[in-house]
């Protein structure tokens, strides 16, 4: 991604998080189907476990050292924005980080930086893969 692109040309953090949430939902569904899961009930149950604020916050914490200055800026702005609502069972910190995670995804998708987006998703899910192989 070109650092100069990020800035005034981007939608708001909330809009990027909205876009990122949609993209991430599709990414997770494709990931699960790629693992051979085909029953809709199981797909839905497993997908929901990926998209909790707690899980997304854990994933973005793994990514923070890998982010560029521009990516970190988008993450911070979205995470620090006002969040009047949060889902039950989520801490305020996890919800903020999850929003930042979704905004980061949304920014990369909006900028059409698929290579960077897929790299970060692989990195974000590495621990999941390692845990699956230990089972």
Protein backbone atom coordinates (compact mmCIF):
# COMPACT_ATOMS: atom_id res chain seq x y z
CA UNK A 1 0.00 0.00 0.00
CA UNK A 2 1.23 3.45 -0.77
CA UNK A 3 1.48 5.52 2.40
CA UNK A 4 0.43 8.71 0.58
CA UNK A 5 -2.97 7.28 -0.33
CA UNK A 6 -4.12 7.05 3.28
CA UNK A 7 -5.63 10.16 4.75
CA UNK A 8 -8.32 12.52 3.57
CA UNK A 9 -9.35 10.16 0.75
CA UNK A 10 -10.57 7.48 3.18
CA UNK A 11 -14.09 7.10 4.54
CA UNK A 12 -14.63 7.47 8.29
CA UNK A 13 -13.39 4.81 10.70
CA UNK A 14 -16.98 3.72 11.30
CA UNK A 15 -17.58 3.30 7.57
CA UNK A 16 -14.33 1.35 7.18
CA UNK A 17 -15.29 -0.88 10.13
CA UNK A 18 -18.68 -1.52 8.51
CA UNK A 19 -16.97 -2.52 5.25
CA UNK A 20 -14.35 -4.57 7.10
CA UNK A 21 -17.00 -6.44 9.07
CA UNK A 22 -18.69 -7.53 5.84
CA UNK A 23 -15.42 -8.56 4.18
CA UNK A 24 -14.26 -10.47 7.27
CA UNK A 25 -17.55 -12.37 7.49
CA UNK A 26 -17.08 -13.59 3.92
CA UNK A 27 -13.42 -14.40 4.57
CA UNK A 28 -14.35 -16.56 7.59
CA UNK A 29 -17.10 -18.35 5.68
CA UNK A 30 -14.74 -19.13 2.82
CA UNK A 31 -12.08 -20.31 5.30
CA UNK A 32 -14.51 -22.69 7.00
CA UNK A 33 -15.85 -24.11 3.74
CA UNK A 34 -12.22 -24.58 2.64
CA UNK A 35 -11.72 -26.69 5.78
CA UNK A 36 -14.41 -29.06 4.51
CA UNK A 37 -17.25 -27.88 6.73
CA UNK A 38 -20.45 -27.98 4.70
CA UNK A 39 -23.39 -28.22 7.10
CA UNK A 40 -25.05 -24.81 7.44
CA UNK A 41 -25.61 -25.14 11.18
CA UNK A 42 -21.99 -26.02 11.83
CA UNK A 43 -20.79 -23.31 9.46
CA UNK A 44 -22.85 -20.73 11.28
CA UNK A 45 -21.74 -21.88 14.72
CA UNK A 46 -18.05 -21.91 13.77
CA UNK A 47 -18.30 -18.57 11.94
CA UNK A 48 -19.82 -16.92 15.00
CA UNK A 49 -16.85 -18.07 17.08
CA UNK A 50 -14.51 -16.16 14.73
CA UNK A 51 -16.31 -12.85 14.78
CA UNK A 52 -16.62 -12.20 18.51
CA UNK A 53 -15.07 -8.99 19.79
CA UNK A 54 -12.76 -11.01 22.04
CA UNK A 55 -11.41 -13.12 19.14
CA UNK A 56 -11.03 -10.13 16.83
CA UNK A 57 -9.23 -8.19 19.56
CA UNK A 58 -6.81 -11.09 20.07
CA UNK A 59 -6.15 -11.26 16.34
CA UNK A 60 -5.44 -7.57 15.96
CA UNK A 61 -3.11 -7.65 18.97
CA UNK A 62 -1.04 -10.21 17.03
CA UNK A 63 -0.97 -7.85 14.06
CA UNK A 64 -0.03 -4.61 15.80
CA UNK A 65 3.75 -5.11 15.45
CA UNK A 66 3.31 -5.78 11.71
CA UNK A 67 1.26 -2.71 10.86
CA UNK A 68 2.56 0.22 8.88
CA UNK A 69 2.24 3.72 10.28
CA UNK A 70 -0.83 4.38 8.12
CA UNK A 71 -2.47 1.09 9.12
CA UNK A 72 -1.78 1.78 12.79
CA UNK A 73 -3.31 5.22 12.41
CA UNK A 74 -6.55 3.86 10.95
CA UNK A 75 -6.68 1.17 13.65
CA UNK A 76 -6.13 3.71 16.45
CA UNK A 77 -8.65 6.22 15.13
CA UNK A 78 -11.38 3.58 14.82
CA UNK A 79 -10.52 1.94 18.14
CA UNK A 80 -10.53 5.27 19.97
CA UNK A 81 -13.75 6.58 18.42
CA UNK A 82 -16.86 6.83 20.54
CA UNK A 83 -18.62 3.48 20.93
CA UNK A 84 -22.05 4.03 22.47
CA UNK A 85 -23.06 0.37 22.09
CA UNK A 86 -21.19 -2.85 22.62
CA UNK A 87 -22.32 -6.46 22.45
CA UNK A 88 -23.07 -8.42 25.59
CA UNK A 89 -20.10 -10.36 26.84
CA UNK A 90 -17.53 -8.02 25.31
CA UNK A 91 -15.29 -5.78 27.33
CA UNK A 92 -15.06 -2.17 26.23
CA UNK A 93 -11.38 -2.70 25.35
CA UNK A 94 -12.09 -5.79 23.24
CA UNK A 95 -14.92 -4.02 21.43
CA UNK A 96 -12.68 -1.03 20.63
CA UNK A 97 -9.92 -3.31 19.34
CA UNK A 98 -12.42 -5.34 17.28
CA UNK A 99 -13.70 -2.13 15.72
CA UNK A 100 -10.13 -1.13 14.91
CA UNK A 101 -9.52 -4.59 13.41
CA UNK A 102 -12.56 -4.24 11.18
CA UNK A 103 -11.56 -0.70 10.14
CA UNK A 104 -8.08 -1.95 9.22
CA UNK A 105 -9.64 -4.67 7.06
CA UNK A 106 -12.05 -2.18 5.57
CA UNK A 107 -9.25 0.24 4.70
CA UNK A 108 -7.20 -2.40 2.91
CA UNK A 109 -10.24 -3.65 1.04
CA UNK A 110 -11.27 -0.09 0.13
CA UNK A 111 -7.76 0.60 -1.20
CA UNK A 112 -7.85 -2.72 -3.10
CA UNK A 113 -4.66 -3.92 -1.40
CA UNK A 114 -5.65 -7.58 -1.50
CA UNK A 115 -2.09 -8.86 -1.13
CA UNK A 116 -1.55 -6.97 2.13
CA UNK A 117 -5.03 -7.85 3.38
CA UNK A 118 -4.57 -11.57 2.82
CA UNK A 119 -1.08 -11.48 4.36
CA UNK A 120 -2.43 -9.86 7.53
CA UNK A 121 -5.32 -12.34 7.69
CA UNK A 122 -2.88 -15.24 7.46
CA UNK A 123 -0.81 -13.72 10.26
CA UNK A 124 -3.90 -13.01 12.36
CA UNK A 125 -5.03 -16.63 12.11
CA UNK A 126 -1.65 -18.37 12.53
CA UNK A 127 -2.21 -19.13 16.20
CA UNK A 128 -5.59 -20.69 15.32
CA UNK A 129 -3.88 -23.00 12.82
CA UNK A 130 -1.19 -23.92 15.34
CA UNK A 131 -3.83 -24.73 17.96
CA UNK A 132 -5.78 -26.84 15.45
CA UNK A 133 -2.68 -28.88 14.60
CA UNK A 134 -2.02 -29.56 18.31
CA UNK A 135 -5.51 -31.04 18.83
